[in-house]
């Protein structure tokens, strides 16, 4: 009987979607309890349960299509009682399809959650925690304000200058030397102004921009700023410097806070290391004159993963994604910066 087939299909659909919801809850629990990136991967294999991560929505879509058909029939003969009853039936079908349709947002949310947990554990990122270098506990607002005051590049926005996303970590070079690091996103907002017919300035729109960078603590070099942008730098890096290498001078603008110290620091070997660091990179590299802190700021999104989670419909595909994805810009910066600081 057709009615039996429909009931059977509804039953099968409900069971499949229940399994998906069970998998989502299990993935959330796995992400909360995992202590390492490998723990997450191990928790995904073996799964020992149905691995589906896709809701079954064929029946709601079919119901919506049939309901829409009945609704459109009213235009053929609006006064016909059967067409009017068809309109009511069609609207009920569409409503039923709407309430029974399972949105994939919970699946996307749990995948994003596991991505974030994997990133934090794979790269040892402690989100929104201050570096161990700063021994005195600070409120997040005071910590960010302190770090922004150290360098003159965090005033590019006329409306706001924020570090909405940051994480502390430790980088280790090939020789085993450790560097305390804070990775961050810098978001700033400018306003576009125009004059009205009366000559008064009127805000037209806000322009939002992002840069990404790192603070590295306990570095020896001090009082130096290097930029790939064709610009003068800001105080306290007031003294421009030109090296003996023409190609380096064409690509890099170098400024120091003290002429004598800059002259001593910019040896041929140091300039070569700078050229290697900026060979495939744009941005500003600054060494504070007194606090033994380094800041690099550039346009590459350090938190951008190499592969996006597209069309993941089962646990196996999710595990493959979490196993192979990387943060390529962060890895590149870590490799080149730790090599530069050796």
C-alpha atoms as a PDB file:
ATOM      1  CA  UNK A   1       0.000   0.000   0.000  1.00  0.00           C
ATOM      2  CA  UNK A   2       1.261   3.530  -0.757  1.00  0.00           C
ATOM      3  CA  UNK A   3       0.444   4.641   2.792  1.00  0.00           C
ATOM      4  CA  UNK A   4       2.583   1.862   4.222  1.00  0.00           C
ATOM      5  CA  UNK A   5       5.469   2.911   1.971  1.00  0.00           C
ATOM      6  CA  UNK A   6       5.196   6.506   3.141  1.00  0.00           C
ATOM      7  CA  UNK A   7       5.125   5.449   6.789  1.00  0.00           C
ATOM      8  CA  UNK A   8       8.142   3.228   6.227  1.00  0.00           C
ATOM      9  CA  UNK A   9      10.035   6.075   4.515  1.00  0.00           C
ATOM     10  CA  UNK A  10       9.226   8.439   7.386  1.00  0.00           C
ATOM     11  CA  UNK A  11      10.431   5.849   9.884  1.00  0.00           C
ATOM     12  CA  UNK A  12      13.697   5.279   7.995  1.00  0.00           C
ATOM     13  CA  UNK A  13      14.274   9.034   7.689  1.00  0.00           C
ATOM     14  CA  UNK A  14      13.703   9.579  11.411  1.00  0.00           C
ATOM     15  CA  UNK A  15      16.171   6.830  12.346  1.00  0.00           C
ATOM     16  CA  UNK A  16      18.839   8.165   9.971  1.00  0.00           C
ATOM     17  CA  UNK A  17      18.531  11.694  11.324  1.00  0.00           C
ATOM     18  CA  UNK A  18      18.614  10.429  14.904  1.00  0.00           C
ATOM     19  CA  UNK A  19      21.952   8.781  14.115  1.00  0.00           C
ATOM     20  CA  UNK A  20      23.263  12.085  12.745  1.00  0.00           C
ATOM     21  CA  UNK A  21      22.222  13.899  15.931  1.00  0.00           C
ATOM     22  CA  UNK A  22      23.882  11.182  18.013  1.00  0.00           C
ATOM     23  CA  UNK A  23      27.083  11.600  15.982  1.00  0.00           C
ATOM     24  CA  UNK A  24      26.985  15.381  16.471  1.00  0.00           C
ATOM     25  CA  UNK A  25      26.652  14.981  20.254  1.00  0.00           C
ATOM     26  CA  UNK A  26      29.476  12.433  20.289  1.00  0.00           C
ATOM     27  CA  UNK A  27      31.747  14.738  18.265  1.00  0.00           C
ATOM     28  CA  UNK A  28      31.074  17.631  20.614  1.00  0.00           C
ATOM     29  CA  UNK A  29      31.957  15.450  23.594  1.00  0.00           C
ATOM     30  CA  UNK A  30      35.120  14.270  21.843  1.00  0.00           C
ATOM     31  CA  UNK A  31      36.219  17.843  21.158  1.00  0.00           C
ATOM     32  CA  UNK A  32      35.659  18.874  24.777  1.00  0.00           C
ATOM     33  CA  UNK A  33      37.533  15.924  26.295  1.00  0.00           C
ATOM     34  CA  UNK A  34      40.470  15.530  23.887  1.00  0.00           C
ATOM     35  CA  UNK A  35      43.830  16.520  25.338  1.00  0.00           C
ATOM     36  CA  UNK A  36      45.725  16.536  22.040  1.00  0.00           C
ATOM     37  CA  UNK A  37      45.217  16.634  18.302  1.00  0.00           C
ATOM     38  CA  UNK A  38      46.003  12.910  18.148  1.00  0.00           C
ATOM     39  CA  UNK A  39      43.284  12.232  20.727  1.00  0.00           C
ATOM     40  CA  UNK A  40      40.758  13.773  18.340  1.00  0.00           C
ATOM     41  CA  UNK A  41      41.989  11.649  15.435  1.00  0.00           C
ATOM     42  CA  UNK A  42      42.010   8.504  17.571  1.00  0.00           C
ATOM     43  CA  UNK A  43      38.463   9.257  18.716  1.00  0.00           C
ATOM     44  CA  UNK A  44      37.289   9.310  15.108  1.00  0.00           C
ATOM     45  CA  UNK A  45      38.702   5.884  14.220  1.00  0.00           C
ATOM     46  CA  UNK A  46      37.402   3.351  14.850  1.00  0.00           C
ATOM     47  CA  UNK A  47      33.969   4.952  15.151  1.00  0.00           C
ATOM     48  CA  UNK A  48      32.080   1.693  15.790  1.00  0.00           C
ATOM     49  CA  UNK A  49      28.756   3.224  14.763  1.00  0.00           C
ATOM     50  CA  UNK A  50      27.082   4.546  11.599  1.00  0.00           C
ATOM     51  CA  UNK A  51      29.385   7.268  10.263  1.00  0.00           C
ATOM     52  CA  UNK A  52      26.801   9.409   8.478  1.00  0.00           C
ATOM     53  CA  UNK A  53      26.981  13.207   8.864  1.00  0.00           C
ATOM     54  CA  UNK A  54      24.219  14.180   6.462  1.00  0.00           C
ATOM     55  CA  UNK A  55      20.568  14.724   7.247  1.00  0.00           C
ATOM     56  CA  UNK A  56      17.967  12.915   5.163  1.00  0.00           C
ATOM     57  CA  UNK A  57      15.753  15.671   3.718  1.00  0.00           C
ATOM     58  CA  UNK A  58      14.321  14.081   0.563  1.00  0.00           C
ATOM     59  CA  UNK A  59      10.790  13.748   1.977  1.00  0.00           C
ATOM     60  CA  UNK A  60      10.499  17.382   3.187  1.00  0.00           C
ATOM     61  CA  UNK A  61      11.770  18.646  -0.157  1.00  0.00           C
ATOM     62  CA  UNK A  62       9.330  16.414  -2.015  1.00  0.00           C
ATOM     63  CA  UNK A  63       6.516  17.528   0.263  1.00  0.00           C
ATOM     64  CA  UNK A  64       7.395  21.170  -0.331  1.00  0.00           C
ATOM     65  CA  UNK A  65       7.420  20.634  -4.104  1.00  0.00           C
ATOM     66  CA  UNK A  66       3.979  18.975  -4.060  1.00  0.00           C
ATOM     67  CA  UNK A  67       2.626  21.684  -1.768  1.00  0.00           C
ATOM     68  CA  UNK A  68       3.941  24.409  -4.061  1.00  0.00           C
ATOM     69  CA  UNK A  69       2.263  22.680  -7.011  1.00  0.00           C
ATOM     70  CA  UNK A  70      -1.111  22.743  -5.228  1.00  0.00           C
ATOM     71  CA  UNK A  71      -0.621  26.399  -4.280  1.00  0.00           C
ATOM     72  CA  UNK A  72       0.087  27.391  -7.877  1.00  0.00           C
ATOM     73  CA  UNK A  73      -3.027  25.579  -9.123  1.00  0.00           C
ATOM     74  CA  UNK A  74      -5.197  28.268  -7.527  1.00  0.00           C
ATOM     75  CA  UNK A  75      -4.169  30.669 -10.286  1.00  0.00           C
ATOM     76  CA  UNK A  76      -5.843  28.468 -12.903  1.00  0.00           C
ATOM     77  CA  UNK A  77      -9.313  28.858 -11.373  1.00  0.00           C
ATOM     78  CA  UNK A  78      -9.379  30.909  -8.160  1.00  0.00           C
ATOM     79  CA  UNK A  79     -13.157  30.505  -7.590  1.00  0.00           C
ATOM     80  CA  UNK A  80     -13.189  26.720  -7.772  1.00  0.00           C
ATOM     81  CA  UNK A  81     -13.789  25.148  -4.346  1.00  0.00           C
ATOM     82  CA  UNK A  82     -11.429  22.259  -5.093  1.00  0.00           C
ATOM     83  CA  UNK A  83      -8.652  24.667  -6.064  1.00  0.00           C
ATOM     84  CA  UNK A  84      -9.216  26.550  -2.813  1.00  0.00           C
ATOM     85  CA  UNK A  85      -9.020  23.330  -0.837  1.00  0.00           C
ATOM     86  CA  UNK A  86      -5.857  22.494  -2.801  1.00  0.00           C
ATOM     87  CA  UNK A  87      -4.417  25.864  -1.784  1.00  0.00           C
ATOM     88  CA  UNK A  88      -5.026  25.120   1.893  1.00  0.00           C
ATOM     89  CA  UNK A  89      -3.598  21.616   1.515  1.00  0.00           C
ATOM     90  CA  UNK A  90      -0.549  22.995  -0.301  1.00  0.00           C
ATOM     91  CA  UNK A  91       0.125  25.548   2.423  1.00  0.00           C
ATOM     92  CA  UNK A  92      -0.150  22.837   5.078  1.00  0.00           C
ATOM     93  CA  UNK A  93       2.297  20.667   3.120  1.00  0.00           C
ATOM     94  CA  UNK A  94       4.793  23.507   2.826  1.00  0.00           C
ATOM     95  CA  UNK A  95       4.469  24.234   6.553  1.00  0.00           C
ATOM     96  CA  UNK A  96       4.972  20.560   7.389  1.00  0.00           C
ATOM     97  CA  UNK A  97       8.010  20.428   5.102  1.00  0.00           C
ATOM     98  CA  UNK A  98       9.433  23.523   6.828  1.00  0.00           C
ATOM     99  CA  UNK A  99       9.123  22.131  10.366  1.00  0.00           C
ATOM    100  CA  UNK A 100      10.397  18.673   9.391  1.00  0.00           C
ATOM    101  CA  UNK A 101      13.398  19.885   7.346  1.00  0.00           C
ATOM    102  CA  UNK A 102      16.690  19.409   9.217  1.00  0.00           C
ATOM    103  CA  UNK A 103      19.095  22.287   8.674  1.00  0.00           C
ATOM    104  CA  UNK A 104      22.768  21.334   8.290  1.00  0.00           C
ATOM    105  CA  UNK A 105      23.947  24.145  10.576  1.00  0.00           C
ATOM    106  CA  UNK A 106      24.520  21.804  13.575  1.00  0.00           C
ATOM    107  CA  UNK A 107      26.832  19.700  11.384  1.00  0.00           C
ATOM    108  CA  UNK A 108      28.743  22.782  10.206  1.00  0.00           C
ATOM    109  CA  UNK A 109      29.001  24.011  13.801  1.00  0.00           C
ATOM    110  CA  UNK A 110      30.462  20.784  15.156  1.00  0.00           C
ATOM    111  CA  UNK A 111      32.952  20.559  12.263  1.00  0.00           C
ATOM    112  CA  UNK A 112      34.040  24.142  12.944  1.00  0.00           C
ATOM    113  CA  UNK A 113      34.332  23.339  16.655  1.00  0.00           C
ATOM    114  CA  UNK A 114      36.564  20.320  15.969  1.00  0.00           C
ATOM    115  CA  UNK A 115      38.639  22.374  13.529  1.00  0.00           C
ATOM    116  CA  UNK A 116      39.230  25.001  16.195  1.00  0.00           C
ATOM    117  CA  UNK A 117      40.066  22.399  18.830  1.00  0.00           C
ATOM    118  CA  UNK A 118      42.448  20.679  16.415  1.00  0.00           C
ATOM    119  CA  UNK A 119      44.159  23.965  15.593  1.00  0.00           C
ATOM    120  CA  UNK A 120      44.589  24.861  19.251  1.00  0.00           C
ATOM    121  CA  UNK A 121      46.019  21.476  20.164  1.00  0.00           C
ATOM    122  CA  UNK A 122      48.110  20.891  17.049  1.00  0.00           C
ATOM    123  CA  UNK A 123      49.810  24.296  17.327  1.00  0.00           C
ATOM    124  CA  UNK A 124      49.623  24.530  21.151  1.00  0.00           C
ATOM    125  CA  UNK A 125      47.609  27.758  21.008  1.00  0.00           C
ATOM    126  CA  UNK A 126      46.179  28.956  24.323  1.00  0.00           C
ATOM    127  CA  UNK A 127      43.305  31.171  23.209  1.00  0.00           C
ATOM    128  CA  UNK A 128      42.949  34.561  24.891  1.00  0.00           C
ATOM    129  CA  UNK A 129      45.590  33.759  27.502  1.00  0.00           C
ATOM    130  CA  UNK A 130      48.445  36.094  28.285  1.00  0.00           C
ATOM    131  CA  UNK A 131      52.019  34.909  27.612  1.00  0.00           C
ATOM    132  CA  UNK A 132      54.018  33.498  30.507  1.00  0.00           C
ATOM    133  CA  UNK A 133      56.566  36.237  29.817  1.00  0.00           C
ATOM    134  CA  UNK A 134      54.200  38.732  31.442  1.00  0.00           C
ATOM    135  CA  UNK A 135      54.413  37.513  35.020  1.00  0.00           C
ATOM    136  CA  UNK A 136      51.831  39.915  36.446  1.00  0.00           C
ATOM    137  CA  UNK A 137      48.269  38.766  35.634  1.00  0.00           C
ATOM    138  CA  UNK A 138      46.475  41.408  33.580  1.00  0.00           C
ATOM    139  CA  UNK A 139      42.918  41.830  32.485  1.00  0.00           C
ATOM    140  CA  UNK A 140      42.598  41.161  28.725  1.00  0.00           C
ATOM    141  CA  UNK A 141      41.803  44.814  28.018  1.00  0.00           C
ATOM    142  CA  UNK A 142      44.921  45.970  29.910  1.00  0.00           C
ATOM    143  CA  UNK A 143      47.095  43.299  28.258  1.00  0.00           C
ATOM    144  CA  UNK A 144      46.063  44.341  24.754  1.00  0.00           C
ATOM    145  CA  UNK A 145      46.418  48.028  25.578  1.00  0.00           C
ATOM    146  CA  UNK A 146      49.937  47.416  26.928  1.00  0.00           C
ATOM    147  CA  UNK A 147      51.066  45.492  23.841  1.00  0.00           C
ATOM    148  CA  UNK A 148      49.559  48.018  21.415  1.00  0.00           C
ATOM    149  CA  UNK A 149      51.372  50.865  23.177  1.00  0.00           C
ATOM    150  CA  UNK A 150      54.721  49.204  22.511  1.00  0.00           C
ATOM    151  CA  UNK A 151      54.553  49.601  18.729  1.00  0.00           C
ATOM    152  CA  UNK A 152      53.312  52.463  16.536  1.00  0.00           C
ATOM    153  CA  UNK A 153      51.455  50.329  13.978  1.00  0.00           C
ATOM    154  CA  UNK A 154      48.280  49.804  15.977  1.00  0.00           C
ATOM    155  CA  UNK A 155      46.758  53.209  15.267  1.00  0.00           C
ATOM    156  CA  UNK A 156      45.789  52.676  11.627  1.00  0.00           C
ATOM    157  CA  UNK A 157      42.060  52.927  12.325  1.00  0.00           C
ATOM    158  CA  UNK A 158      40.361  56.246  12.933  1.00  0.00           C
ATOM    159  CA  UNK A 159      37.362  54.610  14.631  1.00  0.00           C
ATOM    160  CA  UNK A 160      38.762  51.518  16.350  1.00  0.00           C
ATOM    161  CA  UNK A 161      41.921  49.451  16.689  1.00  0.00           C
ATOM    162  CA  UNK A 162      41.345  46.048  18.251  1.00  0.00           C
ATOM    163  CA  UNK A 163      43.040  42.694  18.720  1.00  0.00           C
ATOM    164  CA  UNK A 164      39.868  40.562  18.814  1.00  0.00           C
ATOM    165  CA  UNK A 165      41.601  37.199  18.497  1.00  0.00           C
ATOM    166  CA  UNK A 166      44.896  36.175  20.060  1.00  0.00           C
ATOM    167  CA  UNK A 167      46.578  33.086  21.442  1.00  0.00           C
ATOM    168  CA  UNK A 168      49.769  32.385  23.349  1.00  0.00           C
ATOM    169  CA  UNK A 169      52.158  29.617  22.404  1.00  0.00           C
ATOM    170  CA  UNK A 170      55.818  28.581  22.531  1.00  0.00           C
ATOM    171  CA  UNK A 171      57.970  28.195  19.438  1.00  0.00           C
ATOM    172  CA  UNK A 172      61.082  26.043  19.488  1.00  0.00           C
ATOM    173  CA  UNK A 173      63.856  26.257  16.898  1.00  0.00           C
ATOM    174  CA  UNK A 174      66.054  23.478  15.583  1.00  0.00           C
ATOM    175  CA  UNK A 175      68.580  24.014  18.377  1.00  0.00           C
ATOM    176  CA  UNK A 176      65.921  23.604  21.058  1.00  0.00           C
ATOM    177  CA  UNK A 177      65.742  27.286  22.006  1.00  0.00           C
ATOM    178  CA  UNK A 178      62.223  28.311  22.999  1.00  0.00           C
ATOM    179  CA  UNK A 179      60.480  31.586  22.262  1.00  0.00           C
ATOM    180  CA  UNK A 180      57.335  32.790  23.975  1.00  0.00           C
ATOM    181  CA  UNK A 181      54.941  34.027  21.311  1.00  0.00           C
ATOM    182  CA  UNK A 182      51.517  35.595  21.043  1.00  0.00           C
ATOM    183  CA  UNK A 183      49.718  35.211  17.691  1.00  0.00           C
ATOM    184  CA  UNK A 184      47.017  37.778  17.008  1.00  0.00           C
ATOM    185  CA  UNK A 185      44.556  39.332  14.583  1.00  0.00           C
ATOM    186  CA  UNK A 186      44.541  43.129  14.283  1.00  0.00           C
ATOM    187  CA  UNK A 187      41.215  44.609  13.187  1.00  0.00           C
ATOM    188  CA  UNK A 188      40.907  48.310  12.504  1.00  0.00           C
ATOM    189  CA  UNK A 189      38.116  50.510  11.201  1.00  0.00           C
ATOM    190  CA  UNK A 190      38.339  53.729   9.216  1.00  0.00           C
ATOM    191  CA  UNK A 191      35.532  56.021   8.220  1.00  0.00           C
ATOM    192  CA  UNK A 192      35.011  57.396   4.733  1.00  0.00           C
ATOM    193  CA  UNK A 193      33.971  61.041   4.873  1.00  0.00           C
ATOM    194  CA  UNK A 194      32.363  63.245   2.223  1.00  0.00           C
ATOM    195  CA  UNK A 195      31.093  66.800   2.290  1.00  0.00           C
ATOM    196  CA  UNK A 196      27.416  67.528   1.863  1.00  0.00           C
ATOM    197  CA  UNK A 197      25.977  70.496  -0.011  1.00  0.00           C
ATOM    198  CA  UNK A 198      26.532  72.680   3.044  1.00  0.00           C
ATOM    199  CA  UNK A 199      30.219  71.799   3.216  1.00  0.00           C
ATOM    200  CA  UNK A 200      29.874  69.696   6.357  1.00  0.00           C
ATOM    201  CA  UNK A 201      31.678  66.357   6.632  1.00  0.00           C
ATOM    202  CA  UNK A 202      29.355  63.363   6.602  1.00  0.00           C
ATOM    203  CA  UNK A 203      30.340  59.763   7.318  1.00  0.00           C
ATOM    204  CA  UNK A 204      29.515  57.694   4.255  1.00  0.00           C
ATOM    205  CA  UNK A 205      30.611  54.254   5.406  1.00  0.00           C
ATOM    206  CA  UNK A 206      33.023  52.363   7.608  1.00  0.00           C
ATOM    207  CA  UNK A 207      35.944  50.452   6.112  1.00  0.00           C
ATOM    208  CA  UNK A 208      36.987  47.335   8.048  1.00  0.00           C
ATOM    209  CA  UNK A 209      40.425  45.812   7.504  1.00  0.00           C
ATOM    210  CA  UNK A 210      42.450  43.025   9.107  1.00  0.00           C
ATOM    211  CA  UNK A 211      46.122  42.272   9.561  1.00  0.00           C
ATOM    212  CA  UNK A 212      47.746  39.385  11.415  1.00  0.00           C
ATOM    213  CA  UNK A 213      50.963  39.085  13.342  1.00  0.00           C
ATOM    214  CA  UNK A 214      52.956  37.868  16.325  1.00  0.00           C
ATOM    215  CA  UNK A 215      54.645  39.253  19.393  1.00  0.00           C
ATOM    216  CA  UNK A 216      57.839  37.436  20.382  1.00  0.00           C
ATOM    217  CA  UNK A 217      59.277  38.091  23.831  1.00  0.00           C
ATOM    218  CA  UNK A 218      62.816  38.034  25.261  1.00  0.00           C
ATOM    219  CA  UNK A 219      64.625  38.856  22.012  1.00  0.00           C
ATOM    220  CA  UNK A 220      68.050  40.474  22.036  1.00  0.00           C
ATOM    221  CA  UNK A 221      67.713  42.854  19.077  1.00  0.00           C
ATOM    222  CA  UNK A 222      66.339  46.283  19.983  1.00  0.00           C
ATOM    223  CA  UNK A 223      65.414  49.594  18.365  1.00  0.00           C
ATOM    224  CA  UNK A 224      64.895  48.514  14.744  1.00  0.00           C
ATOM    225  CA  UNK A 225      61.966  48.547  12.300  1.00  0.00           C
ATOM    226  CA  UNK A 226      61.852  47.024   8.821  1.00  0.00           C
ATOM    227  CA  UNK A 227      58.956  47.327   6.386  1.00  0.00           C
ATOM    228  CA  UNK A 228      58.235  46.195   2.852  1.00  0.00           C
ATOM    229  CA  UNK A 229      55.871  49.168   2.395  1.00  0.00           C
ATOM    230  CA  UNK A 230      57.138  52.304   0.727  1.00  0.00           C
ATOM    231  CA  UNK A 231      56.576  54.539   3.733  1.00  0.00           C
ATOM    232  CA  UNK A 232      58.338  56.429   6.452  1.00  0.00           C
ATOM    233  CA  UNK A 233      58.113  54.767   9.810  1.00  0.00           C
ATOM    234  CA  UNK A 234      56.845  56.194  13.042  1.00  0.00           C
ATOM    235  CA  UNK A 235      58.474  57.325  16.253  1.00  0.00           C
ATOM    236  CA  UNK A 236      60.598  56.014  17.924  1.00  0.00           C
ATOM    237  CA  UNK A 237      62.022  54.569  14.679  1.00  0.00           C
ATOM    238  CA  UNK A 238      63.020  57.990  13.404  1.00  0.00           C
ATOM    239  CA  UNK A 239      66.311  57.354  11.581  1.00  0.00           C
ATOM    240  CA  UNK A 240      66.178  55.810   8.071  1.00  0.00           C
ATOM    241  CA  UNK A 241      69.041  53.532   7.096  1.00  0.00           C
ATOM    242  CA  UNK A 242      70.324  52.269   3.767  1.00  0.00           C
ATOM    243  CA  UNK A 243      72.387  49.132   3.403  1.00  0.00           C
ATOM    244  CA  UNK A 244      75.158  48.527   0.904  1.00  0.00           C
ATOM    245  CA  UNK A 245      72.923  46.097  -1.006  1.00  0.00           C
ATOM    246  CA  UNK A 246      70.864  47.831  -3.728  1.00  0.00           C
ATOM    247  CA  UNK A 247      68.272  45.066  -4.060  1.00  0.00           C
ATOM    248  CA  UNK A 248      67.649  45.058  -0.312  1.00  0.00           C
ATOM    249  CA  UNK A 249      67.217  48.836  -0.333  1.00  0.00           C
ATOM    250  CA  UNK A 250      64.670  48.518  -3.145  1.00  0.00           C
ATOM    251  CA  UNK A 251      62.540  46.002  -1.257  1.00  0.00           C
ATOM    252  CA  UNK A 252      63.039  46.974   2.393  1.00  0.00           C
ATOM    253  CA  UNK A 253      62.856  50.270   4.229  1.00  0.00           C
ATOM    254  CA  UNK A 254      64.886  50.152   7.441  1.00  0.00           C
ATOM    255  CA  UNK A 255      64.617  52.537  10.384  1.00  0.00           C
ATOM    256  CA  UNK A 256      66.334  52.703  13.737  1.00  0.00           C
ATOM    257  CA  UNK A 257      65.699  54.435  17.030  1.00  0.00           C
ATOM    258  CA  UNK A 258      69.403  55.212  17.527  1.00  0.00           C
ATOM    259  CA  UNK A 259      71.842  55.872  14.673  1.00  0.00           C
ATOM    260  CA  UNK A 260      74.914  54.417  16.344  1.00  0.00           C
ATOM    261  CA  UNK A 261      73.103  51.281  17.527  1.00  0.00           C
ATOM    262  CA  UNK A 262      71.565  50.789  14.078  1.00  0.00           C
ATOM    263  CA  UNK A 263      74.975  51.045  12.418  1.00  0.00           C
ATOM    264  CA  UNK A 264      76.386  48.393  14.742  1.00  0.00           C
ATOM    265  CA  UNK A 265      73.417  46.099  14.314  1.00  0.00           C
ATOM    266  CA  UNK A 266      73.106  46.103  10.513  1.00  0.00           C
ATOM    267  CA  UNK A 267      76.061  43.924   9.660  1.00  0.00           C
ATOM    268  CA  UNK A 268      76.142  42.199   6.233  1.00  0.00           C
ATOM    269  CA  UNK A 269      75.134  38.911   7.880  1.00  0.00           C
ATOM    270  CA  UNK A 270      72.173  40.551   9.658  1.00  0.00           C
ATOM    271  CA  UNK A 271      71.019  42.242   6.447  1.00  0.00           C
ATOM    272  CA  UNK A 272      71.202  38.897   4.620  1.00  0.00           C
ATOM    273  CA  UNK A 273      69.006  37.313   7.282  1.00  0.00           C
ATOM    274  CA  UNK A 274      66.512  40.152   6.863  1.00  0.00           C
ATOM    275  CA  UNK A 275      66.466  39.651   3.099  1.00  0.00           C
ATOM    276  CA  UNK A 276      65.852  35.923   3.537  1.00  0.00           C
ATOM    277  CA  UNK A 277      63.027  36.534   6.017  1.00  0.00           C
ATOM    278  CA  UNK A 278      61.242  38.945   3.660  1.00  0.00           C
ATOM    279  CA  UNK A 279      61.992  36.992   0.481  1.00  0.00           C
ATOM    280  CA  UNK A 280      58.396  35.679   0.227  1.00  0.00           C
ATOM    281  CA  UNK A 281      56.690  37.919   2.774  1.00  0.00           C
ATOM    282  CA  UNK A 282      55.159  41.376   3.138  1.00  0.00           C
ATOM    283  CA  UNK A 283      54.747  43.321   6.355  1.00  0.00           C
ATOM    284  CA  UNK A 284      56.446  45.187   9.184  1.00  0.00           C
ATOM    285  CA  UNK A 285      59.058  43.718  11.531  1.00  0.00           C
ATOM    286  CA  UNK A 286      59.755  45.788  14.640  1.00  0.00           C
ATOM    287  CA  UNK A 287      62.058  45.419  17.633  1.00  0.00           C
ATOM    288  CA  UNK A 288      61.122  47.573  20.601  1.00  0.00           C
ATOM    289  CA  UNK A 289      63.927  49.908  21.781  1.00  0.00           C
ATOM    290  CA  UNK A 290      63.862  48.714  25.404  1.00  0.00           C
ATOM    291  CA  UNK A 291      61.370  45.936  26.189  1.00  0.00           C
ATOM    292  CA  UNK A 292      63.118  43.074  24.315  1.00  0.00           C
ATOM    293  CA  UNK A 293      59.910  42.435  22.373  1.00  0.00           C
ATOM    294  CA  UNK A 294      59.515  41.781  18.658  1.00  0.00           C
ATOM    295  CA  UNK A 295      56.388  42.423  16.625  1.00  0.00           C
ATOM    296  CA  UNK A 296      55.661  41.263  13.099  1.00  0.00           C
ATOM    297  CA  UNK A 297      52.522  42.478  11.344  1.00  0.00           C
ATOM    298  CA  UNK A 298      51.448  41.522   7.838  1.00  0.00           C
ATOM    299  CA  UNK A 299      48.511  40.824   5.509  1.00  0.00           C
ATOM    300  CA  UNK A 300      48.703  36.999   5.536  1.00  0.00           C
ATOM    301  CA  UNK A 301      45.970  35.394   7.654  1.00  0.00           C
ATOM    302  CA  UNK A 302      47.922  33.290  10.144  1.00  0.00           C
ATOM    303  CA  UNK A 303      44.747  31.457  11.238  1.00  0.00           C
ATOM    304  CA  UNK A 304      43.659  30.475   7.719  1.00  0.00           C
ATOM    305  CA  UNK A 305      43.656  26.708   7.198  1.00  0.00           C
ATOM    306  CA  UNK A 306      44.975  25.130   4.021  1.00  0.00           C
ATOM    307  CA  UNK A 307      41.817  23.184   3.131  1.00  0.00           C
ATOM    308  CA  UNK A 308      38.215  24.126   3.749  1.00  0.00           C
ATOM    309  CA  UNK A 309      35.696  21.649   5.150  1.00  0.00           C
ATOM    310  CA  UNK A 310      33.611  21.116   2.018  1.00  0.00           C
ATOM    311  CA  UNK A 311      31.067  18.365   1.446  1.00  0.00           C
ATOM    312  CA  UNK A 312      31.972  16.389   4.576  1.00  0.00           C
ATOM    313  CA  UNK A 313      29.181  13.824   4.877  1.00  0.00           C
ATOM    314  CA  UNK A 314      30.679  11.151   7.112  1.00  0.00           C
ATOM    315  CA  UNK A 315      33.130  10.626   9.965  1.00  0.00           C
ATOM    316  CA  UNK A 316      35.848   9.218   7.672  1.00  0.00           C
ATOM    317  CA  UNK A 317      35.907  12.381   5.554  1.00  0.00           C
ATOM    318  CA  UNK A 318      35.971  14.510   8.706  1.00  0.00           C
ATOM    319  CA  UNK A 319      38.943  12.580  10.082  1.00  0.00           C
ATOM    320  CA  UNK A 320      40.798  12.937   6.780  1.00  0.00           C
ATOM    321  CA  UNK A 321      40.187  16.687   6.841  1.00  0.00           C
ATOM    322  CA  UNK A 322      41.352  17.108  10.451  1.00  0.00           C
ATOM    323  CA  UNK A 323      44.394  14.915   9.820  1.00  0.00           C
ATOM    324  CA  UNK A 324      45.697  16.786   6.769  1.00  0.00           C
ATOM    325  CA  UNK A 325      44.763  20.448   7.247  1.00  0.00           C
ATOM    326  CA  UNK A 326      47.445  22.996   8.188  1.00  0.00           C
ATOM    327  CA  UNK A 327      47.924  26.663   8.989  1.00  0.00           C
ATOM    328  CA  UNK A 328      50.445  27.297   6.187  1.00  0.00           C
ATOM    329  CA  UNK A 329      51.097  30.993   6.867  1.00  0.00           C
ATOM    330  CA  UNK A 330      51.630  30.406  10.574  1.00  0.00           C
ATOM    331  CA  UNK A 331      53.948  27.459   9.933  1.00  0.00           C
ATOM    332  CA  UNK A 332      55.944  29.489   7.413  1.00  0.00           C
ATOM    333  CA  UNK A 333      56.272  32.443   9.781  1.00  0.00           C
ATOM    334  CA  UNK A 334      57.283  30.189  12.665  1.00  0.00           C
ATOM    335  CA  UNK A 335      59.942  28.478  10.563  1.00  0.00           C
ATOM    336  CA  UNK A 336      61.411  31.675   9.124  1.00  0.00           C
ATOM    337  CA  UNK A 337      61.237  33.737  12.303  1.00  0.00           C
ATOM    338  CA  UNK A 338      62.831  31.122  14.552  1.00  0.00           C
ATOM    339  CA  UNK A 339      65.568  30.713  11.939  1.00  0.00           C
ATOM    340  CA  UNK A 340      66.045  34.499  11.826  1.00  0.00           C
ATOM    341  CA  UNK A 341      66.367  34.721  15.614  1.00  0.00           C
ATOM    342  CA  UNK A 342      69.015  31.997  15.937  1.00  0.00           C
END
